[in-house]
């Protein structure tokens, strides 16, 4: 047997193939919990200034992961002052 992907083994069982890095990253991202804007205000993971900024930047009717909230903060901080 040169190529065992999607083929049965001699015992009749289909071999188990480990997920790729991309599949693992996708499934891990989909498992990350989402939080409402108000929940970030109660979080201990953000400073008071970050909480105040998120209060302005995040939409009231949308849920965000912690990494999404951090990305929103980072993008806002990189903006040029006008």
N, C-alpha and C. Protein backbone atom coordinates (compact mmCIF):
# COMPACT_ATOMS: atom_id res chain seq x y z
N UNK A 1 0.84 -1.19 0.00
CA UNK A 1 0.00 0.00 0.00
C UNK A 1 0.87 1.24 0.00
N UNK A 2 0.91 1.93 -1.09
CA UNK A 2 1.73 3.13 -1.19
C UNK A 2 1.02 4.32 -0.60
N UNK A 3 -0.26 4.48 -0.90
CA UNK A 3 -1.02 5.63 -0.43
C UNK A 3 -2.20 5.12 0.39
N UNK A 4 -2.23 5.44 1.70
CA UNK A 4 -3.28 4.90 2.56
C UNK A 4 -4.39 5.89 2.83
N UNK A 5 -4.33 7.11 2.28
CA UNK A 5 -5.39 8.08 2.50
C UNK A 5 -6.70 7.55 1.95
N UNK A 6 -7.73 7.59 2.78
CA UNK A 6 -9.07 7.16 2.42
C UNK A 6 -9.14 5.72 1.93
N UNK A 7 -8.21 4.89 2.33
CA UNK A 7 -8.24 3.48 1.98
C UNK A 7 -8.32 2.68 3.26
N UNK A 8 -8.93 1.52 3.16
CA UNK A 8 -9.00 0.64 4.32
C UNK A 8 -7.68 -0.08 4.50
N UNK A 9 -7.33 -0.36 5.74
CA UNK A 9 -6.11 -1.13 6.00
C UNK A 9 -6.42 -2.60 5.83
N UNK A 10 -5.43 -3.43 6.02
CA UNK A 10 -5.63 -4.87 5.88
C UNK A 10 -6.66 -5.40 6.87
N UNK A 11 -6.84 -4.74 8.00
CA UNK A 11 -7.82 -5.18 8.99
C UNK A 11 -9.22 -4.68 8.67
N UNK A 12 -9.33 -3.84 7.64
CA UNK A 12 -10.64 -3.34 7.24
C UNK A 12 -10.99 -1.99 7.85
N UNK A 13 -10.14 -1.45 8.70
CA UNK A 13 -10.42 -0.17 9.34
C UNK A 13 -9.82 0.96 8.52
N UNK A 14 -10.48 2.09 8.49
CA UNK A 14 -9.96 3.26 7.82
C UNK A 14 -8.93 3.91 8.73
N UNK A 15 -7.72 4.19 8.23
CA UNK A 15 -6.69 4.77 9.09
C UNK A 15 -7.08 6.18 9.56
N UNK A 16 -6.66 6.51 10.75
CA UNK A 16 -6.93 7.83 11.31
C UNK A 16 -5.85 8.78 10.82
N UNK A 17 -6.28 9.91 10.27
CA UNK A 17 -5.35 10.91 9.76
C UNK A 17 -5.45 12.12 10.66
N UNK A 18 -4.32 12.59 11.16
CA UNK A 18 -4.29 13.75 12.04
C UNK A 18 -4.70 14.99 11.27
N UNK A 19 -5.41 15.94 11.93
CA UNK A 19 -5.79 17.17 11.24
C UNK A 19 -4.57 18.01 10.90
N UNK A 20 -4.68 18.77 9.84
CA UNK A 20 -3.59 19.66 9.45
C UNK A 20 -3.53 20.84 10.41
N UNK A 21 -2.46 21.62 10.34
CA UNK A 21 -2.34 22.80 11.20
C UNK A 21 -3.47 23.78 10.93
N UNK A 22 -3.84 23.93 9.65
CA UNK A 22 -4.91 24.85 9.29
C UNK A 22 -6.24 24.38 9.87
N UNK A 23 -6.52 23.09 9.79
CA UNK A 23 -7.77 22.55 10.35
C UNK A 23 -7.80 22.73 11.86
N UNK A 24 -6.66 22.51 12.52
CA UNK A 24 -6.59 22.67 13.96
C UNK A 24 -6.81 24.13 14.35
N UNK A 25 -6.20 25.05 13.64
CA UNK A 25 -6.36 26.48 13.93
C UNK A 25 -7.81 26.91 13.71
N UNK A 26 -8.43 26.39 12.66
CA UNK A 26 -9.81 26.76 12.37
C UNK A 26 -10.74 26.25 13.46
N UNK A 27 -10.54 25.01 13.89
CA UNK A 27 -11.42 24.46 14.91
C UNK A 27 -11.17 25.15 16.25
N UNK A 28 -9.93 25.53 16.55
CA UNK A 28 -9.64 26.23 17.80
C UNK A 28 -10.27 27.61 17.80
N UNK A 29 -10.25 28.27 16.66
CA UNK A 29 -10.84 29.61 16.57
C UNK A 29 -12.35 29.54 16.73
N UNK A 30 -12.96 28.50 16.23
CA UNK A 30 -14.41 28.40 16.33
C UNK A 30 -14.86 28.04 17.74
N UNK A 31 -13.94 27.56 18.57
CA UNK A 31 -14.27 27.18 19.94
C UNK A 31 -14.11 28.36 20.89
N UNK A 32 -13.37 29.36 20.50
CA UNK A 32 -13.11 30.51 21.36
C UNK A 32 -14.44 31.18 21.74
N UNK A 33 -14.68 31.39 23.03
CA UNK A 33 -15.96 31.97 23.46
C UNK A 33 -16.13 33.42 23.00
N UNK A 34 -17.38 33.80 22.84
CA UNK A 34 -17.70 35.16 22.41
C UNK A 34 -18.40 35.87 23.57
N UNK A 35 -18.16 37.17 23.66
CA UNK A 35 -18.69 37.95 24.77
C UNK A 35 -19.38 39.21 24.26
N UNK A 36 -20.39 39.64 24.99
CA UNK A 36 -21.08 40.89 24.69
C UNK A 36 -20.21 42.05 25.16
N UNK A 37 -20.47 43.20 24.59
CA UNK A 37 -19.72 44.41 24.92
C UNK A 37 -19.71 44.68 26.43
N UNK A 38 -20.84 44.51 27.07
CA UNK A 38 -20.95 44.77 28.50
C UNK A 38 -20.06 43.82 29.32
N UNK A 39 -19.84 42.62 28.83
CA UNK A 39 -19.00 41.67 29.55
C UNK A 39 -17.54 42.10 29.56
N UNK A 40 -17.12 42.80 28.54
CA UNK A 40 -15.74 43.30 28.52
C UNK A 40 -15.54 44.37 29.60
N UNK A 41 -16.60 45.07 29.95
CA UNK A 41 -16.50 46.09 30.99
C UNK A 41 -16.25 45.48 32.36
N UNK A 42 -16.63 44.23 32.54
CA UNK A 42 -16.45 43.53 33.82
C UNK A 42 -15.18 42.67 33.84
N UNK A 43 -14.49 42.61 32.73
CA UNK A 43 -13.33 41.74 32.58
C UNK A 43 -12.12 42.25 33.35
N UNK A 44 -11.32 41.31 33.83
CA UNK A 44 -10.06 41.66 34.50
C UNK A 44 -8.89 41.58 33.53
N UNK A 45 -9.16 41.26 32.27
CA UNK A 45 -8.10 41.11 31.27
C UNK A 45 -7.75 42.43 30.57
N UNK A 46 -8.53 43.46 30.83
CA UNK A 46 -8.32 44.75 30.18
C UNK A 46 -8.17 45.83 31.24
N UNK A 47 -7.37 46.84 30.93
CA UNK A 47 -7.23 47.98 31.83
C UNK A 47 -8.50 48.83 31.73
N UNK A 48 -8.65 49.76 32.65
CA UNK A 48 -9.84 50.63 32.61
C UNK A 48 -9.87 51.47 31.34
N UNK A 49 -8.71 51.92 30.90
CA UNK A 49 -8.64 52.71 29.66
C UNK A 49 -9.06 51.86 28.47
N UNK A 50 -8.58 50.60 28.43
CA UNK A 50 -8.97 49.70 27.35
C UNK A 50 -10.47 49.42 27.38
N UNK A 51 -11.02 49.25 28.57
CA UNK A 51 -12.46 49.02 28.71
C UNK A 51 -13.25 50.22 28.19
N UNK A 52 -12.81 51.42 28.55
CA UNK A 52 -13.49 52.63 28.08
C UNK A 52 -13.43 52.74 26.56
N UNK A 53 -12.27 52.41 26.00
CA UNK A 53 -12.10 52.46 24.55
C UNK A 53 -12.98 51.42 23.87
N UNK A 54 -13.00 50.20 24.40
CA UNK A 54 -13.85 49.16 23.83
C UNK A 54 -15.32 49.54 23.92
N UNK A 55 -15.70 50.22 24.97
CA UNK A 55 -17.09 50.65 25.13
C UNK A 55 -17.53 51.55 23.98
N UNK A 56 -16.60 52.33 23.47
CA UNK A 56 -16.89 53.22 22.35
C UNK A 56 -16.80 52.48 21.01
N UNK A 57 -15.81 51.60 20.88
CA UNK A 57 -15.52 50.98 19.59
C UNK A 57 -16.40 49.78 19.24
N UNK A 58 -16.83 49.02 20.23
CA UNK A 58 -17.60 47.80 19.96
C UNK A 58 -19.09 48.10 19.81
N UNK A 59 -19.74 47.34 18.97
CA UNK A 59 -21.19 47.49 18.75
C UNK A 59 -21.95 46.83 19.89
N UNK A 60 -23.06 47.44 20.30
CA UNK A 60 -23.87 46.92 21.40
C UNK A 60 -24.50 45.57 21.08
N UNK A 61 -24.87 45.35 19.85
CA UNK A 61 -25.63 44.15 19.48
C UNK A 61 -24.78 43.04 18.88
N UNK A 62 -23.47 43.08 19.09
CA UNK A 62 -22.58 42.09 18.50
C UNK A 62 -21.72 41.46 19.59
N UNK A 63 -21.37 40.19 19.43
CA UNK A 63 -20.48 39.49 20.36
C UNK A 63 -19.09 39.40 19.75
N UNK A 64 -18.07 39.41 20.60
CA UNK A 64 -16.68 39.40 20.16
C UNK A 64 -15.87 38.39 20.96
N UNK A 65 -14.85 37.83 20.33
CA UNK A 65 -13.89 37.02 21.08
C UNK A 65 -12.89 37.98 21.71
N UNK A 66 -12.12 37.49 22.65
CA UNK A 66 -11.11 38.34 23.29
C UNK A 66 -10.08 38.78 22.25
N UNK A 67 -9.70 37.86 21.36
CA UNK A 67 -8.71 38.23 20.34
C UNK A 67 -9.27 39.27 19.38
N UNK A 68 -10.56 39.20 19.06
CA UNK A 68 -11.18 40.23 18.21
C UNK A 68 -11.18 41.58 18.91
N UNK A 69 -11.49 41.60 20.20
CA UNK A 69 -11.49 42.85 20.96
C UNK A 69 -10.08 43.44 21.02
N UNK A 70 -9.09 42.59 21.23
CA UNK A 70 -7.70 43.08 21.25
C UNK A 70 -7.29 43.61 19.88
N UNK A 71 -7.74 42.97 18.80
CA UNK A 71 -7.44 43.43 17.45
C UNK A 71 -8.07 44.79 17.20
N UNK A 72 -9.32 44.99 17.64
CA UNK A 72 -10.00 46.28 17.49
C UNK A 72 -9.22 47.36 18.22
N UNK A 73 -8.78 47.06 19.43
CA UNK A 73 -7.97 48.04 20.19
C UNK A 73 -6.66 48.35 19.46
N UNK A 74 -5.98 47.33 18.99
CA UNK A 74 -4.69 47.52 18.31
C UNK A 74 -4.85 48.36 17.05
N UNK A 75 -5.89 48.08 16.27
CA UNK A 75 -6.13 48.85 15.04
C UNK A 75 -6.45 50.31 15.37
N UNK A 76 -7.21 50.53 16.42
CA UNK A 76 -7.56 51.90 16.81
C UNK A 76 -6.31 52.66 17.27
N UNK A 77 -5.45 51.97 18.01
CA UNK A 77 -4.24 52.62 18.49
C UNK A 77 -3.26 52.96 17.38
N UNK A 78 -3.31 52.24 16.26
CA UNK A 78 -2.42 52.49 15.13
C UNK A 78 -2.90 53.61 14.23
N UNK A 79 -4.14 54.05 14.40
CA UNK A 79 -4.67 55.10 13.53
C UNK A 79 -3.93 56.41 13.72
N UNK A 80 -3.81 57.13 12.64
CA UNK A 80 -3.15 58.44 12.68
C UNK A 80 -4.10 59.47 13.30
N UNK A 81 -3.55 60.29 14.14
CA UNK A 81 -4.33 61.36 14.77
C UNK A 81 -4.56 62.46 13.76
N UNK A 82 -5.80 62.93 13.68
CA UNK A 82 -6.13 63.99 12.71
C UNK A 82 -6.28 65.31 13.41
